[in-house]
Amino acid sequence: MFIAGIGARLNLVEGTVKARVIASIGEPGVRSRVEAAIAAYEAGRAGCDG
């Protein structure tokens, strides 16, 4: 559901979302999807709709 939900919200296919999540998790110091989301937010690559 996580990947499908992101894909639907951003109008991206599931494979693209998976590739981006995997790439983010591969960054130094990132061990989980939560840490990847935090790192992306702090780097200005992700935002919140509030």
Protein backbone atom coordinates (compact mmCIF):
# COMPACT_ATOMS: atom_id res chain seq x y z
CA MET A 1 0.00 0.00 0.00
CA PHE A 2 2.87 2.39 0.76
CA ILE A 3 4.30 2.30 -2.79
CA ALA A 4 0.91 2.28 -4.51
CA GLY A 5 -0.30 5.23 -2.44
CA ILE A 6 2.74 7.33 -3.26
CA GLY A 7 2.46 6.43 -6.93
CA ALA A 8 -1.20 7.38 -7.08
CA ARG A 9 -0.64 10.66 -5.27
CA LEU A 10 2.30 11.69 -7.47
CA ASN A 11 0.93 10.18 -10.68
CA LEU A 12 3.93 7.84 -11.03
CA VAL A 13 4.06 4.15 -11.87
CA GLU A 14 4.85 1.76 -9.06
CA GLY A 15 8.25 0.80 -10.52
CA THR A 16 9.42 4.42 -10.48
CA VAL A 17 8.39 4.87 -6.86
CA LYS A 18 10.12 1.63 -5.84
CA ALA A 19 13.33 2.67 -7.58
CA ARG A 20 13.34 6.07 -5.85
CA VAL A 21 12.64 4.57 -2.42
CA ILE A 22 15.41 2.00 -2.86
CA ALA A 23 17.83 4.71 -4.01
CA SER A 24 16.95 6.85 -0.98
CA ILE A 25 17.42 3.97 1.43
CA GLY A 26 20.84 3.38 -0.12
CA GLU A 27 22.05 6.83 0.95
CA PRO A 28 24.63 6.96 3.74
CA GLY A 29 23.08 6.85 7.19
CA VAL A 30 19.64 5.76 5.95
CA ARG A 31 18.44 2.36 7.17
CA SER A 32 14.68 2.48 6.67
CA ARG A 33 11.88 4.11 4.71
CA VAL A 34 11.21 6.41 7.65
CA GLU A 35 14.82 7.58 7.72
CA ALA A 36 14.73 7.98 3.93
CA ALA A 37 11.62 10.17 4.20
CA ILE A 38 13.24 12.30 6.91
CA ALA A 39 16.45 12.66 4.89
CA ALA A 40 14.47 13.64 1.78
CA TYR A 41 12.44 16.19 3.74
CA GLU A 42 15.52 17.71 5.35
CA ALA A 43 17.25 17.92 1.96
CA GLY A 44 14.24 19.71 0.48
CA ARG A 45 13.33 16.81 -1.83
CA ALA A 46 10.02 16.08 -0.13
CA GLY A 47 7.34 18.19 1.49
CA CYS A 48 4.23 17.91 3.56
CA ASP A 49 0.78 19.09 2.57
CA GLY A 50 0.08 20.05 6.17
